Amino acid sequence: MRYANITQVDRFQLPASHPHLAMITIDPADWHRFQQLGEDNPAVLILGHNDPADGHMIVYTACASQETLRRLEDGWG
């Protein structure tokens, strides 16, 4: 998903270096592991997340490329 196509998530402004937005649903128990992914990978910027609800939370992540976005979605989706 490109920034220009976002309609429901207008609260995030993506940096030019990371123009692709991933909305990843994770188990809240995985939050610290997901956070480490963002710290260890310069191609990924964690922008924020929803509060956990019904055993899930959505993490909004800016990705440097379509390939990074695809890999992130494949690994966590």
PDB file of N, CA and C in Angstrom:
ATOM      1  N   MET A   1       0.855  -1.165   0.000  1.00  0.00           N
ATOM      2  CA  MET A   1       0.000   0.000   0.000  1.00  0.00           C
ATOM      3  C   MET A   1       0.906   1.236   0.000  1.00  0.00           C
ATOM      4  N   ARG A   2       0.651   2.145  -0.857  1.00  0.00           N
ATOM      5  CA  ARG A   2       1.431   3.377  -0.915  1.00  0.00           C
ATOM      6  C   ARG A   2       0.736   4.453  -0.082  1.00  0.00           C
ATOM      7  N   TYR A   3       1.499   5.371   0.398  1.00  0.00           N
ATOM      8  CA  TYR A   3       0.979   6.435   1.247  1.00  0.00           C
ATOM      9  C   TYR A   3      -0.173   7.178   0.584  1.00  0.00           C
ATOM     10  N   ALA A   4      -0.079   7.390  -0.710  1.00  0.00           N
ATOM     11  CA  ALA A   4      -1.128   8.123  -1.423  1.00  0.00           C
ATOM     12  C   ALA A   4      -2.458   7.378  -1.418  1.00  0.00           C
ATOM     13  N   ASN A   5      -2.440   6.076  -1.165  1.00  0.00           N
ATOM     14  CA  ASN A   5      -3.655   5.269  -1.190  1.00  0.00           C
ATOM     15  C   ASN A   5      -4.310   5.115   0.173  1.00  0.00           C
ATOM     16  N   ILE A   6      -3.709   5.640   1.205  1.00  0.00           N
ATOM     17  CA  ILE A   6      -4.223   5.439   2.554  1.00  0.00           C
ATOM     18  C   ILE A   6      -5.434   6.333   2.775  1.00  0.00           C
ATOM     19  N   THR A   7      -6.506   5.723   3.233  1.00  0.00           N
ATOM     20  CA  THR A   7      -7.685   6.523   3.566  1.00  0.00           C
ATOM     21  C   THR A   7      -8.037   6.382   5.035  1.00  0.00           C
ATOM     22  N   GLN A   8      -7.938   5.168   5.612  1.00  0.00           N
ATOM     23  CA  GLN A   8      -8.348   4.968   6.989  1.00  0.00           C
ATOM     24  C   GLN A   8      -7.238   5.250   7.995  1.00  0.00           C
ATOM     25  N   VAL A   9      -6.030   5.471   7.551  1.00  0.00           N
ATOM     26  CA  VAL A   9      -4.926   5.688   8.477  1.00  0.00           C
ATOM     27  C   VAL A   9      -4.238   7.007   8.127  1.00  0.00           C
ATOM     28  N   ASP A  10      -4.939   8.092   8.327  1.00  0.00           N
ATOM     29  CA  ASP A  10      -4.378   9.381   7.946  1.00  0.00           C
ATOM     30  C   ASP A  10      -3.587  10.040   9.065  1.00  0.00           C
ATOM     31  N   ARG A  11      -3.453   9.390  10.208  1.00  0.00           N
ATOM     32  CA  ARG A  11      -2.728  10.004  11.317  1.00  0.00           C
ATOM     33  C   ARG A  11      -1.224   9.855  11.197  1.00  0.00           C
ATOM     34  N   PHE A  12      -0.753   9.016  10.268  1.00  0.00           N
ATOM     35  CA  PHE A  12       0.678   8.808  10.099  1.00  0.00           C
ATOM     36  C   PHE A  12       1.175   9.502   8.853  1.00  0.00           C
ATOM     37  N   GLN A  13       2.288  10.177   8.988  1.00  0.00           N
ATOM     38  CA  GLN A  13       2.933  10.777   7.828  1.00  0.00           C
ATOM     39  C   GLN A  13       4.201   9.971   7.577  1.00  0.00           C
ATOM     40  N   LEU A  14       4.246   9.311   6.440  1.00  0.00           N
ATOM     41  CA  LEU A  14       5.373   8.451   6.127  1.00  0.00           C
ATOM     42  C   LEU A  14       6.552   9.285   5.640  1.00  0.00           C
ATOM     43  N   PRO A  15       7.750   8.968   6.117  1.00  0.00           N
ATOM     44  CA  PRO A  15       8.926   9.686   5.621  1.00  0.00           C
ATOM     45  C   PRO A  15       9.235   9.275   4.186  1.00  0.00           C
ATOM     46  N   ALA A  16       9.880  10.133   3.436  1.00  0.00           N
ATOM     47  CA  ALA A  16      10.214   9.833   2.040  1.00  0.00           C
ATOM     48  C   ALA A  16      11.076   8.579   1.922  1.00  0.00           C
ATOM     49  N   SER A  17      11.855   8.302   2.934  1.00  0.00           N
ATOM     50  CA  SER A  17      12.733   7.129   2.902  1.00  0.00           C
ATOM     51  C   SER A  17      11.985   5.820   3.117  1.00  0.00           C
ATOM     52  N   HIS A  18      10.765   5.880   3.657  1.00  0.00           N
ATOM     53  CA  HIS A  18       9.960   4.696   3.958  1.00  0.00           C
ATOM     54  C   HIS A  18       8.515   4.935   3.498  1.00  0.00           C
ATOM     55  N   PRO A  19       8.278   4.915   2.177  1.00  0.00           N
ATOM     56  CA  PRO A  19       6.972   5.327   1.651  1.00  0.00           C
ATOM     57  C   PRO A  19       5.871   4.264   1.635  1.00  0.00           C
ATOM     58  N   HIS A  20       6.128   3.081   2.171  1.00  0.00           N
ATOM     59  CA  HIS A  20       5.148   1.994   2.120  1.00  0.00           C
ATOM     60  C   HIS A  20       4.668   1.670   3.527  1.00  0.00           C
ATOM     61  N   LEU A  21       3.357   1.602   3.693  1.00  0.00           N
ATOM     62  CA  LEU A  21       2.779   1.341   5.003  1.00  0.00           C
ATOM     63  C   LEU A  21       2.311  -0.100   5.119  1.00  0.00           C
ATOM     64  N   ALA A  22       2.773  -0.777   6.162  1.00  0.00           N
ATOM     65  CA  ALA A  22       2.288  -2.116   6.493  1.00  0.00           C
ATOM     66  C   ALA A  22       1.447  -2.003   7.759  1.00  0.00           C
ATOM     67  N   MET A  23       0.290  -2.641   7.735  1.00  0.00           N
ATOM     68  CA  MET A  23      -0.551  -2.726   8.922  1.00  0.00           C
ATOM     69  C   MET A  23      -0.553  -4.196   9.321  1.00  0.00           C
ATOM     70  N   ILE A  24       0.243  -4.520  10.322  1.00  0.00           N
ATOM     71  CA  ILE A  24       0.483  -5.899  10.704  1.00  0.00           C
ATOM     72  C   ILE A  24      -0.307  -6.225  11.965  1.00  0.00           C
ATOM     73  N   THR A  25      -1.084  -7.293  11.916  1.00  0.00           N
ATOM     74  CA  THR A  25      -1.823  -7.754  13.086  1.00  0.00           C
ATOM     75  C   THR A  25      -0.966  -8.777  13.818  1.00  0.00           C
ATOM     76  N   ILE A  26      -0.712  -8.522  15.093  1.00  0.00           N
ATOM     77  CA  ILE A  26       0.110  -9.432  15.886  1.00  0.00           C
ATOM     78  C   ILE A  26      -0.606  -9.773  17.193  1.00  0.00           C
ATOM     79  N   ASP A  27      -0.136 -10.802  17.833  1.00  0.00           N
ATOM     80  CA  ASP A  27      -0.549 -11.133  19.193  1.00  0.00           C
ATOM     81  C   ASP A  27       0.157 -10.135  20.106  1.00  0.00           C
ATOM     82  N   PRO A  28      -0.522  -9.513  21.040  1.00  0.00           N
ATOM     83  CA  PRO A  28       0.138  -8.540  21.923  1.00  0.00           C
ATOM     84  C   PRO A  28       1.359  -9.127  22.649  1.00  0.00           C
ATOM     85  N   ALA A  29       1.374 -10.430  22.856  1.00  0.00           N
ATOM     86  CA  ALA A  29       2.527 -11.061  23.497  1.00  0.00           C
ATOM     87  C   ALA A  29       3.785 -10.964  22.633  1.00  0.00           C
ATOM     88  N   ASP A  30       3.619 -10.744  21.328  1.00  0.00           N
ATOM     89  CA  ASP A  30       4.759 -10.626  20.409  1.00  0.00           C
ATOM     90  C   ASP A  30       5.263  -9.192  20.252  1.00  0.00           C
ATOM     91  N   TRP A  31       4.667  -8.254  20.970  1.00  0.00           N
ATOM     92  CA  TRP A  31       5.011  -6.850  20.787  1.00  0.00           C
ATOM     93  C   TRP A  31       6.507  -6.582  20.974  1.00  0.00           C
ATOM     94  N   HIS A  32       7.110  -7.112  22.021  1.00  0.00           N
ATOM     95  CA  HIS A  32       8.532  -6.830  22.269  1.00  0.00           C
ATOM     96  C   HIS A  32       9.410  -7.436  21.180  1.00  0.00           C
ATOM     97  N   ARG A  33       9.043  -8.604  20.684  1.00  0.00           N
ATOM     98  CA  ARG A  33       9.801  -9.222  19.590  1.00  0.00           C
ATOM     99  C   ARG A  33       9.656  -8.386  18.314  1.00  0.00           C
ATOM    100  N   PHE A  34       8.448  -7.899  18.036  1.00  0.00           N
ATOM    101  CA  PHE A  34       8.226  -7.060  16.862  1.00  0.00           C
ATOM    102  C   PHE A  34       8.997  -5.746  16.993  1.00  0.00           C
ATOM    103  N   GLN A  35       8.997  -5.194  18.188  1.00  0.00           N
ATOM    104  CA  GLN A  35       9.719  -3.950  18.440  1.00  0.00           C
ATOM    105  C   GLN A  35      11.210  -4.131  18.175  1.00  0.00           C
ATOM    106  N   GLN A  36      11.767  -5.258  18.554  1.00  0.00           N
ATOM    107  CA  GLN A  36      13.177  -5.544  18.294  1.00  0.00           C
ATOM    108  C   GLN A  36      13.451  -5.610  16.797  1.00  0.00           C
ATOM    109  N   LEU A  37      12.509  -6.140  16.035  1.00  0.00           N
ATOM    110  CA  LEU A  37      12.656  -6.186  14.586  1.00  0.00           C
ATOM    111  C   LEU A  37      12.862  -4.772  14.040  1.00  0.00           C
ATOM    112  N   GLY A  38      12.061  -3.829  14.516  1.00  0.00           N
ATOM    113  CA  GLY A  38      12.189  -2.450  14.070  1.00  0.00           C
ATOM    114  C   GLY A  38      13.503  -1.811  14.473  1.00  0.00           C
ATOM    115  N   GLU A  39      14.011  -2.184  15.622  1.00  0.00           N
ATOM    116  CA  GLU A  39      15.284  -1.628  16.088  1.00  0.00           C
ATOM    117  C   GLU A  39      16.464  -2.196  15.311  1.00  0.00           C
ATOM    118  N   ASP A  40      16.339  -3.453  14.863  1.00  0.00           N
ATOM    119  CA  ASP A  40      17.438  -4.146  14.195  1.00  0.00           C
ATOM    120  C   ASP A  40      17.429  -3.996  12.681  1.00  0.00           C
ATOM    121  N   ASN A  41      16.390  -3.389  12.112  1.00  0.00           N
ATOM    122  CA  ASN A  41      16.261  -3.323  10.663  1.00  0.00           C
ATOM    123  C   ASN A  41      16.032  -1.880  10.216  1.00  0.00           C
ATOM    124  N   PRO A  42      17.015  -1.267   9.570  1.00  0.00           N
ATOM    125  CA  PRO A  42      16.853   0.127   9.144  1.00  0.00           C
ATOM    126  C   PRO A  42      15.823   0.316   8.031  1.00  0.00           C
ATOM    127  N   ALA A  43      15.373  -0.763   7.406  1.00  0.00           N
ATOM    128  CA  ALA A  43      14.360  -0.665   6.348  1.00  0.00           C
ATOM    129  C   ALA A  43      12.944  -0.613   6.914  1.00  0.00           C
ATOM    130  N   VAL A  44      12.819  -0.705   8.253  1.00  0.00           N
ATOM    131  CA  VAL A  44      11.513  -0.741   8.910  1.00  0.00           C
ATOM    132  C   VAL A  44      11.456   0.327  10.004  1.00  0.00           C
ATOM    133  N   LEU A  45      10.394   1.116  10.006  1.00  0.00           N
ATOM    134  CA  LEU A  45      10.156   2.102  11.064  1.00  0.00           C
ATOM    135  C   LEU A  45       8.775   1.839  11.669  1.00  0.00           C
ATOM    136  N   ILE A  46       8.725   1.561  12.953  1.00  0.00           N
ATOM    137  CA  ILE A  46       7.437   1.370  13.612  1.00  0.00           C
ATOM    138  C   ILE A  46       6.865   2.746  13.923  1.00  0.00           C
ATOM    139  N   LEU A  47       5.666   3.008  13.408  1.00  0.00           N
ATOM    140  CA  LEU A  47       5.030   4.309  13.575  1.00  0.00           C
ATOM    141  C   LEU A  47       4.107   4.359  14.783  1.00  0.00           C
ATOM    142  N   GLY A  48       3.522   3.222  15.117  1.00  0.00           N
ATOM    143  CA  GLY A  48       2.589   3.181  16.236  1.00  0.00           C
ATOM    144  C   GLY A  48       1.798   1.899  16.213  1.00  0.00           C
ATOM    145  N   HIS A  49       0.867   1.784  17.153  1.00  0.00           N
ATOM    146  CA  HIS A  49       0.026   0.597  17.219  1.00  0.00           C
ATOM    147  C   HIS A  49      -1.264   0.915  17.945  1.00  0.00           C
ATOM    148  N   ASN A  50      -2.254   0.080  17.700  1.00  0.00           N
ATOM    149  CA  ASN A  50      -3.523   0.178  18.417  1.00  0.00           C
ATOM    150  C   ASN A  50      -3.374  -0.503  19.767  1.00  0.00           C
ATOM    151  N   ASP A  51      -4.264  -0.175  20.682  1.00  0.00           N
ATOM    152  CA  ASP A  51      -4.302  -0.899  21.949  1.00  0.00           C
ATOM    153  C   ASP A  51      -4.752  -2.329  21.681  1.00  0.00           C
ATOM    154  N   PRO A  52      -4.205  -3.278  22.432  1.00  0.00           N
ATOM    155  CA  PRO A  52      -4.631  -4.669  22.248  1.00  0.00           C
ATOM    156  C   PRO A  52      -6.137  -4.820  22.488  1.00  0.00           C
ATOM    157  N   ALA A  53      -6.768  -5.627  21.636  1.00  0.00           N
ATOM    158  CA  ALA A  53      -8.201  -5.922  21.765  1.00  0.00           C
ATOM    159  C   ALA A  53      -8.454  -7.310  21.195  1.00  0.00           C
ATOM    160  N   ASP A  54      -9.189  -8.111  21.925  1.00  0.00           N
ATOM    161  CA  ASP A  54      -9.553  -9.451  21.470  1.00  0.00           C
ATOM    162  C   ASP A  54      -8.336 -10.297  21.092  1.00  0.00           C
ATOM    163  N   GLY A  55      -7.238 -10.114  21.808  1.00  0.00           N
ATOM    164  CA  GLY A  55      -6.049 -10.921  21.564  1.00  0.00           C
ATOM    165  C   GLY A  55      -5.225 -10.507  20.358  1.00  0.00           C
ATOM    166  N   HIS A  56      -5.486  -9.312  19.813  1.00  0.00           N
ATOM    167  CA  HIS A  56      -4.739  -8.822  18.650  1.00  0.00           C
ATOM    168  C   HIS A  56      -4.403  -7.350  18.821  1.00  0.00           C
ATOM    169  N   MET A  57      -3.384  -6.923  18.118  1.00  0.00           N
ATOM    170  CA  MET A  57      -3.112  -5.497  18.001  1.00  0.00           C
ATOM    171  C   MET A  57      -2.562  -5.242  16.605  1.00  0.00           C
ATOM    172  N   ILE A  58      -2.839  -4.055  16.088  1.00  0.00           N
ATOM    173  CA  ILE A  58      -2.357  -3.679  14.765  1.00  0.00           C
ATOM    174  C   ILE A  58      -1.165  -2.749  14.953  1.00  0.00           C
ATOM    175  N   VAL A  59      -0.059  -3.102  14.297  1.00  0.00           N
ATOM    176  CA  VAL A  59       1.149  -2.293  14.335  1.00  0.00           C
ATOM    177  C   VAL A  59       1.291  -1.624  12.972  1.00  0.00           C
ATOM    178  N   TYR A  60       1.457  -0.314  12.969  1.00  0.00           N
ATOM    179  CA  TYR A  60       1.618   0.465  11.747  1.00  0.00           C
ATOM    180  C   TYR A  60       3.109   0.674  11.538  1.00  0.00           C
ATOM    181  N   THR A  61       3.599   0.182  10.392  1.00  0.00           N
ATOM    182  CA  THR A  61       5.028   0.155  10.138  1.00  0.00           C
ATOM    183  C   THR A  61       5.326   0.727   8.764  1.00  0.00           C
ATOM    184  N   ALA A  62       6.262   1.665   8.695  1.00  0.00           N
ATOM    185  CA  ALA A  62       6.700   2.218   7.418  1.00  0.00           C
ATOM    186  C   ALA A  62       7.860   1.362   6.906  1.00  0.00           C
ATOM    187  N   CYS A  63       7.808   1.037   5.620  1.00  0.00           N
ATOM    188  CA  CYS A  63       8.824   0.182   5.006  1.00  0.00           C
ATOM    189  C   CYS A  63       9.539   0.954   3.892  1.00  0.00           C
ATOM    190  N   ALA A  64      10.827   0.662   3.731  1.00  0.00           N
ATOM    191  CA  ALA A  64      11.629   1.363   2.738  1.00  0.00           C
ATOM    192  C   ALA A  64      11.327   0.918   1.307  1.00  0.00           C
ATOM    193  N   SER A  65      10.788  -0.295   1.128  1.00  0.00           N
ATOM    194  CA  SER A  65      10.519  -0.791  -0.216  1.00  0.00           C
ATOM    195  C   SER A  65       9.323  -1.729  -0.208  1.00  0.00           C
ATOM    196  N   GLN A  66       8.810  -2.006  -1.401  1.00  0.00           N
ATOM    197  CA  GLN A  66       7.719  -2.971  -1.553  1.00  0.00           C
ATOM    198  C   GLN A  66       8.183  -4.352  -1.090  1.00  0.00           C
ATOM    199  N   GLU A  67       9.433  -4.697  -1.376  1.00  0.00           N
ATOM    200  CA  GLU A  67       9.968  -5.993  -0.970  1.00  0.00           C
ATOM    201  C   GLU A  67      10.009  -6.120   0.552  1.00  0.00           C
ATOM    202  N   THR A  68      10.427  -5.070   1.240  1.00  0.00           N
ATOM    203  CA  THR A  68      10.427  -5.080   2.706  1.00  0.00           C
ATOM    204  C   THR A  68       9.012  -5.243   3.226  1.00  0.00           C
ATOM    205  N   LEU A  69       8.072  -4.523   2.642  1.00  0.00           N
ATOM    206  CA  LEU A  69       6.668  -4.629   3.042  1.00  0.00           C
ATOM    207  C   LEU A  69       6.160  -6.054   2.849  1.00  0.00           C
ATOM    208  N   ARG A  70       6.455  -6.655   1.691  1.00  0.00           N
ATOM    209  CA  ARG A  70       6.003  -8.014   1.409  1.00  0.00           C
ATOM    210  C   ARG A  70       6.580  -9.009   2.407  1.00  0.00           C
ATOM    211  N   ARG A  71       7.872  -8.895   2.677  1.00  0.00           N
ATOM    212  CA  ARG A  71       8.512  -9.809   3.631  1.00  0.00           C
ATOM    213  C   ARG A  71       7.953  -9.645   5.035  1.00  0.00           C
ATOM    214  N   LEU A  72       7.697  -8.423   5.421  1.00  0.00           N
ATOM    215  CA  LEU A  72       7.142  -8.164   6.743  1.00  0.00           C
ATOM    216  C   LEU A  72       5.732  -8.762   6.847  1.00  0.00           C
ATOM    217  N   GLU A  73       4.926  -8.539   5.823  1.00  0.00           N
ATOM    218  CA  GLU A  73       3.570  -9.106   5.833  1.00  0.00           C
ATOM    219  C   GLU A  73       3.597 -10.629   5.797  1.00  0.00           C
ATOM    220  N   ASP A  74       4.520 -11.199   5.031  1.00  0.00           N
ATOM    221  CA  ASP A  74       4.628 -12.666   4.950  1.00  0.00           C
ATOM    222  C   ASP A  74       5.080 -13.258   6.285  1.00  0.00           C
ATOM    223  N   GLY A  75       5.975 -12.559   6.970  1.00  0.00           N
ATOM    224  CA  GLY A  75       6.513 -13.080   8.222  1.00  0.00           C
ATOM    225  C   GLY A  75       5.614 -12.904   9.415  1.00  0.00           C
ATOM    226  N   TRP A  76       4.720 -11.918   9.375  1.00  0.00           N
ATOM    227  CA  TRP A  76       3.863 -11.622  10.527  1.00  0.00           C
ATOM    228  C   TRP A  76       2.392 -11.736  10.210  1.00  0.00           C
ATOM    229  N   GLY A  77       2.039 -11.789   8.944  1.00  0.00           N
ATOM    230  CA  GLY A  77       0.641 -11.789   8.563  1.00  0.00           C
ATOM    231  C   GLY A  77      -0.070 -13.098   8.798  1.00  0.00           C
TER     232      GLY A  77
END
